Protein backbone atom coordinates (compact mmCIF):
# COMPACT_ATOMS: atom_id res chain seq x y z
CA MET A 1 138.26 209.04 86.50
CA THR A 2 141.58 210.02 84.63
CA ALA A 3 144.69 211.29 86.53
CA GLU A 4 143.89 215.04 85.30
CA GLN A 5 140.60 214.71 86.44
CA ARG A 6 141.38 213.49 90.00
CA GLU A 7 144.27 216.10 90.20
CA GLN A 8 141.51 218.95 89.44
CA ARG A 9 138.98 217.57 92.06
CA ALA A 10 141.93 217.67 94.65
CA SER A 11 142.95 221.08 93.69
CA ARG A 12 139.59 222.33 94.17
CA PRO A 13 138.81 224.02 97.68
CA ARG A 14 137.05 221.78 100.26
CA ARG A 15 133.51 223.45 101.02
CA PRO A 16 132.16 223.79 104.58
CA THR A 17 129.70 221.14 105.74
CA ALA A 18 125.95 222.34 105.24
CA ALA A 19 123.99 222.08 108.08
CA ASP A 20 121.25 219.33 107.92
CA GLY A 21 118.17 220.14 106.02
CA LEU A 22 116.66 220.01 102.71
CA LEU A 23 117.59 221.38 99.23
CA VAL A 24 114.66 222.11 96.91
CA ILE A 25 116.06 222.29 93.63
CA ASP A 26 114.85 223.33 90.35
CA LYS A 27 116.59 220.36 88.20
CA PRO A 28 117.84 221.63 84.74
CA ALA A 29 116.87 219.70 81.70
CA GLY A 30 119.86 217.24 80.88
CA TRP A 31 120.70 216.50 84.11
CA THR A 32 120.23 213.19 85.98
CA SER A 33 119.02 213.01 89.36
CA HIS A 34 122.33 211.52 90.06
CA ASP A 35 124.13 214.29 88.58
CA VAL A 36 122.40 216.81 90.63
CA VAL A 37 123.15 214.78 94.03
CA ALA A 38 126.74 214.69 93.00
CA LYS A 39 127.24 218.25 92.49
CA ALA A 40 125.13 218.97 95.73
CA ARG A 41 127.71 216.69 97.67
CA TRP A 42 130.58 218.66 96.90
CA LEU A 43 128.48 221.97 97.41
CA ALA A 44 127.35 221.04 100.78
CA GLY A 45 130.52 219.56 101.97
CA THR A 46 129.17 216.12 102.50
CA ARG A 47 128.59 212.62 100.73
CA LYS A 48 125.39 212.36 102.93
CA VAL A 49 123.02 213.78 100.32
CA GLY A 50 120.04 211.71 98.80
CA HIS A 51 117.30 212.62 96.50
CA ALA A 52 113.15 212.00 97.08
CA GLY A 53 112.09 210.87 93.79
CA THR A 54 113.99 210.62 90.42
CA LEU A 55 113.28 212.86 87.29
CA ASP A 56 114.34 211.89 83.80
CA PRO A 57 116.68 213.97 82.22
CA MET A 58 114.32 215.23 79.91
CA ALA A 59 112.25 216.76 82.85
CA THR A 60 112.74 219.72 84.77
CA GLY A 61 111.37 221.14 88.23
CA VAL A 62 111.39 220.20 91.94
CA LEU A 63 113.92 217.79 93.01
CA VAL A 64 113.82 217.58 96.63
CA LEU A 65 117.43 216.45 98.27
CA GLY A 66 118.38 215.92 101.78
CA ILE A 67 121.39 216.74 103.29
CA GLY A 68 122.82 215.11 106.54
CA ARG A 69 120.17 213.81 108.81
CA ALA A 70 117.85 215.13 106.65
CA THR A 71 118.29 212.30 104.50
CA ARG A 72 116.01 210.52 107.05
CA LEU A 73 113.29 212.38 106.17
CA LEU A 74 113.48 211.59 102.41
CA THR A 75 111.32 208.19 102.66
CA TYR A 76 108.15 210.28 103.85
CA VAL A 77 108.87 212.68 101.18
CA VAL A 78 109.21 210.27 98.07
CA GLY A 79 105.56 209.34 98.99
CA ALA A 80 104.15 212.83 99.12
CA GLU A 81 101.78 214.06 96.17
CA LYS A 82 103.30 215.02 92.92
CA GLU A 83 101.99 217.97 90.58
CA TYR A 84 103.46 218.20 87.04
CA LEU A 85 103.07 220.56 83.88
CA ALA A 86 103.66 218.88 80.96
CA THR A 87 103.09 218.83 77.12
CA ILE A 88 101.48 215.72 75.58
CA ARG A 89 101.71 214.90 71.53
CA LEU A 90 98.83 213.02 70.30
CA GLY A 91 99.23 211.53 66.97
CA VAL A 92 102.69 210.17 67.43
CA SER A 93 103.71 206.96 69.35
CA THR A 94 107.38 206.49 70.58
CA SER A 95 109.17 203.74 72.20
CA THR A 96 109.70 205.25 75.29
CA ASP A 97 106.51 207.29 75.60
CA ASP A 98 108.43 210.78 75.62
CA ALA A 99 110.32 212.48 72.90
CA GLU A 100 113.64 210.73 73.44
CA GLY A 101 112.57 207.25 72.34
CA GLU A 102 112.08 206.37 68.39
CA VAL A 103 108.82 207.11 66.70
CA THR A 104 106.82 203.87 66.47
CA GLY A 105 103.61 205.23 64.93
CA ARG A 106 101.99 208.14 63.67
CA THR A 107 98.38 208.97 62.94
CA ASP A 108 97.24 212.16 60.93
CA VAL A 109 94.76 214.17 63.72
CA GLY A 110 93.77 216.27 61.13
CA VAL A 111 91.66 213.64 59.08
CA HIS A 112 89.44 213.27 62.18
CA PRO A 113 86.37 214.70 62.56
CA TRP A 114 87.12 217.63 65.28
CA PRO A 115 84.17 218.16 67.24
CA GLU A 116 84.25 214.03 67.85
CA LEU A 117 87.67 214.36 68.93
CA GLN A 118 87.09 217.12 71.49
CA VAL A 119 84.05 215.05 72.78
CA ARG A 120 86.53 212.06 72.97
CA LEU A 121 89.44 213.67 74.85
CA ALA A 122 87.21 214.79 77.39
CA ASP A 123 85.85 211.15 78.10
CA ALA A 124 89.48 209.88 77.95
CA VAL A 125 90.75 212.34 80.51
CA ALA A 126 87.83 211.31 82.61
CA GLU A 127 88.69 207.83 82.26
CA LEU A 128 92.35 208.44 83.45
CA THR A 129 91.34 210.78 86.60
CA GLY A 130 90.57 208.95 89.93
CA ASP A 131 92.12 205.92 91.16
CA ILE A 132 93.24 203.76 88.05
CA GLN A 133 95.54 200.84 87.36
CA GLN A 134 98.34 201.94 85.17
CA VAL A 135 100.96 200.16 83.19
CA PRO A 136 104.42 201.92 83.79
CA SER A 137 106.68 202.54 80.58
CA SER A 138 109.26 199.59 80.04
CA VAL A 139 112.03 202.10 80.13
CA SER A 140 110.98 203.08 83.59
CA ALA A 141 113.24 202.51 86.50
CA ILE A 142 111.23 199.69 87.94
CA LYS A 143 113.12 196.73 88.97
CA VAL A 144 112.54 193.56 87.25
CA ASP A 145 114.30 190.43 89.01
CA GLY A 146 116.70 192.52 90.53
CA GLN A 147 117.34 194.96 87.33
CA ARG A 148 115.88 197.99 86.25
CA ALA A 149 113.27 197.59 83.31
CA TYR A 150 114.98 200.05 81.02
CA ALA A 151 118.35 198.12 81.18
CA ARG A 152 116.68 195.02 80.21
CA VAL A 153 114.89 196.91 77.32
CA ARG A 154 118.18 198.10 75.98
CA ALA A 155 119.69 194.65 76.34
CA GLY A 156 116.88 193.61 74.04
CA GLU A 157 114.60 192.17 76.22
CA ASP A 158 110.74 192.45 75.86
CA VAL A 159 109.85 193.82 78.87
CA GLN A 160 105.95 193.78 80.31
CA LEU A 161 105.45 195.44 83.58
CA ALA A 162 102.20 194.58 85.75
CA ALA A 163 99.66 197.36 86.22
CA ARG A 164 99.71 199.10 89.49
CA PRO A 165 97.13 201.31 91.12
CA VAL A 166 98.18 204.79 91.16
CA THR A 167 95.69 207.80 91.90
CA VAL A 168 95.18 210.63 89.47
CA HIS A 169 93.71 213.62 91.80
CA ALA A 170 93.44 216.01 88.96
CA PHE A 171 93.99 215.93 85.17
CA GLU A 172 93.33 219.16 83.44
CA VAL A 173 93.71 220.28 79.90
CA ASN A 174 94.75 223.98 79.90
CA ASP A 175 95.57 224.87 76.09
CA GLN A 176 95.51 222.61 73.02
CA GLN A 177 96.54 222.97 69.27
CA VAL A 178 97.13 221.17 66.07
CA VAL A 179 100.60 221.58 64.81
CA PRO A 180 102.87 220.11 61.97
CA ASP A 181 104.44 216.84 62.93
CA ALA A 182 108.20 217.44 63.34
CA ASP A 183 108.95 214.84 60.79
CA GLY A 184 108.17 217.09 57.85
CA SER A 185 105.40 214.32 56.28
CA GLY A 186 102.71 216.86 56.36
CA LEU A 187 101.04 215.32 58.76
CA MET A 188 99.31 216.94 61.82
CA ALA A 189 99.67 216.35 65.46
CA TRP A 190 97.71 217.87 68.45
CA ASP A 191 99.69 219.13 71.42
CA LEU A 192 98.09 219.56 74.81
CA SER A 193 99.20 221.74 77.60
CA VAL A 194 98.26 219.74 80.78
CA ARG A 195 98.41 219.91 84.48
CA VAL A 196 98.40 216.85 86.51
CA VAL A 197 98.11 216.08 90.31
CA CYS A 198 98.76 212.63 91.38
CA SER A 199 100.14 209.96 93.80
CA SER A 200 103.58 208.88 93.87
CA GLY A 201 104.43 206.14 91.56
CA THR A 202 102.26 207.70 88.99
CA TYR A 203 103.92 208.10 85.65
CA ILE A 204 102.98 210.89 83.29
CA ARG A 205 104.58 209.23 80.15
CA ALA A 206 102.18 206.28 80.73
CA LEU A 207 99.27 208.84 80.98
CA ALA A 208 100.43 210.47 77.82
CA ARG A 209 100.62 206.81 76.00
CA ASP A 210 97.30 205.69 77.56
CA LEU A 211 95.60 209.09 76.38
CA GLY A 212 96.78 208.58 72.91
CA GLU A 213 95.67 204.90 72.82
CA ARG A 214 92.22 205.51 73.95
CA LEU A 215 91.72 208.23 71.38
CA GLY A 216 93.25 205.77 68.82
CA VAL A 217 95.93 208.11 67.37
CA GLY A 218 98.80 207.35 69.74
CA GLY A 219 100.51 209.85 72.02
CA HIS A 220 103.84 210.57 73.94
CA LEU A 221 105.36 213.06 76.53
CA THR A 222 107.56 216.18 75.04
CA MET A 223 107.76 218.20 77.83
CA LEU A 224 107.86 217.62 81.71
CA ARG A 225 108.20 220.04 84.60
CA ARG A 226 107.45 218.96 88.08
CA SER A 227 105.77 222.13 89.83
CA ARG A 228 105.37 220.53 93.32
CA VAL A 229 106.64 217.46 95.55
CA GLY A 230 104.23 217.67 98.69
CA GLY A 231 104.69 220.81 100.47
CA TYR A 232 107.45 222.01 98.35
CA PRO A 233 106.49 224.23 95.56
CA LEU A 234 108.60 225.48 92.51
CA SER A 235 108.61 228.79 93.75
CA GLU A 236 110.66 227.69 96.60
CA ALA A 237 113.27 225.97 94.48
CA ARG A 238 116.60 227.19 93.59
CA SER A 239 118.26 226.78 90.55
CA MET A 240 121.72 224.95 90.02
CA ALA A 241 123.49 228.29 88.52
CA GLU A 242 122.48 229.73 91.88
CA LEU A 243 123.96 227.03 93.97
CA GLU A 244 126.99 227.01 91.73
CA ALA A 245 127.45 230.66 92.71
CA TRP A 246 127.53 230.11 96.41
CA PRO A 247 130.74 231.50 98.12
CA VAL A 248 133.17 228.68 98.31
CA ASP A 249 133.81 229.84 102.32
CA ILE A 250 130.30 229.75 103.22
CA PRO A 251 128.20 226.92 104.21
CA LEU A 252 125.46 226.12 101.72
CA ASP A 253 121.94 227.08 103.05
CA THR A 254 119.38 224.77 103.71
CA LEU A 255 116.25 224.46 105.00
CA PRO A 256 116.22 223.53 108.76
CA LEU A 257 115.08 220.03 109.87
CA ALA A 258 112.14 221.53 111.67
CA ASP A 259 110.79 223.69 108.72
CA ALA A 260 111.15 220.86 106.47
CA ALA A 261 109.17 218.57 108.79
CA ARG A 262 106.55 221.34 108.86
CA ALA A 263 106.23 221.08 105.30
CA THR A 264 105.55 217.36 105.24
CA PHE A 265 103.85 216.60 108.47
CA PRO A 266 101.46 217.63 110.82
CA VAL A 267 102.98 219.57 114.01
CA ARG A 268 102.90 218.62 117.54
CA ASP A 269 104.51 220.94 119.81
CA LEU A 270 106.36 219.40 123.02
CA THR A 271 106.52 220.47 126.60
CA ALA A 272 110.18 220.21 127.81
CA GLU A 273 109.30 216.64 129.83
CA GLU A 274 107.84 215.04 126.46
CA ALA A 275 110.81 216.22 124.44
CA ARG A 276 113.16 214.63 126.92
CA ALA A 277 111.33 211.37 126.98
CA LEU A 278 111.00 211.19 123.07
CA GLY A 279 114.86 212.37 122.83
CA HIS A 280 115.72 209.10 125.00
CA GLY A 281 113.26 206.92 122.68
CA GLN A 282 110.30 206.52 125.29
CA ARG A 283 106.68 207.06 124.50
CA ILE A 284 104.46 209.63 125.42
CA ALA A 285 100.49 210.45 125.35
CA PRO A 286 99.02 210.08 121.90
CA SER A 287 98.52 213.11 119.45
CA GLY A 288 95.34 212.63 118.46
CA VAL A 289 95.85 213.17 114.72
CA ASP A 290 93.06 211.66 112.28
CA GLY A 291 94.13 208.50 110.38
CA SER A 292 95.88 205.29 111.53
CA GLU A 293 99.36 205.74 112.81
CA ARG A 294 99.62 209.13 110.92
CA THR A 295 103.23 210.55 111.10
CA VAL A 296 103.66 213.67 113.43
CA ALA A 297 106.36 215.95 113.77
CA ALA A 298 107.45 216.40 117.32
CA LEU A 299 108.95 219.74 117.78
CA GLY A 300 110.56 220.87 121.29
CA PRO A 301 109.85 224.14 123.42
CA ASP A 302 112.91 225.70 121.49
CA GLY A 303 111.54 224.88 117.86
CA VAL A 304 114.10 222.21 117.10
CA LEU A 305 112.73 218.76 115.69
CA VAL A 306 112.69 216.22 118.54
CA ALA A 307 111.30 213.06 116.72
CA LEU A 308 108.71 211.53 114.11
CA ILE A 309 105.88 210.09 116.22
CA GLU A 310 102.99 207.81 115.41
CA ASP A 311 100.06 207.32 117.85
CA ARG A 312 99.85 203.42 118.11
CA GLY A 313 96.88 202.70 120.70
CA PRO A 314 97.04 204.64 124.10
CA GLN A 315 100.50 206.17 123.18
CA ALA A 316 102.46 208.09 120.68
CA TRP A 317 105.73 206.06 119.98
CA PRO A 318 109.04 207.40 118.40
CA VAL A 319 109.65 206.53 114.68
CA LEU A 320 112.80 208.48 114.22
CA VAL A 321 114.50 210.60 117.07
CA PHE A 322 116.44 213.33 115.61
CA SER A 323 117.60 215.18 119.10
CA GLY A 324 118.05 214.52 122.80
CA SER A 325 119.11 210.76 122.57
């Protein structure tokens, strides 16, 4: 940082600290997730800000941020189901499996029999739906021997990542059209508008690549918009422009801890006695929620989030205590 930048930062008015809670952001294109966190730290008047799952710079849509004690919830939000809207271009392969990479291959989809391609598309989409083994893109943020895969690729290494299990709950083709490839060669490409609902850790770029490979024409991602993370839909997200226009003398509005927990976990309403016990780290009677050790948000009689608890045998154990300790 230059002396001028330090002076500009020092001259900015300090914002009041926002209350502990979540911010659901509609990330703009061109911003990294780190860029959003850095801006949110200033807007929220605290450095205690984190995010629940990275979005690539080209992607837009839901990015969940935790402010203050709400950063402790992010571990659970990261693992939540995701929903995406995307555009896949078939007929063109790239080095990064998205539009930001170098073109590595082209196939003219116009020379393929159209009825045959339609049948093969339906079969290929079905093969990529459900519990599958997916090889992440070599330029992903996955660490290999302590270093990000994309950093190793940029350094000239040939990175081969292992397949990993993911679940694609829904893979729907909502629209499709044949378009001229952007290189001006006269070759035709095939654009698909898709909706994907998937488990955490699924790479939509890899889905685009694998779909193209199954059809024998190659493919990559040209647009990606995350429309939901768990219980946080795009309709509840706020734009960065809206947040940047927030009055400097008013604390940034956040989703309170209790409301954030309601969107992520089953809820248990506590008695005053149970709230006191959990607040001191003690165990209480089990919640009886289906599923082994399923996490439950325990709310006090005043509606405040007291703790996250899990049934373990004959008792419910506090795994994170927020109030009363």
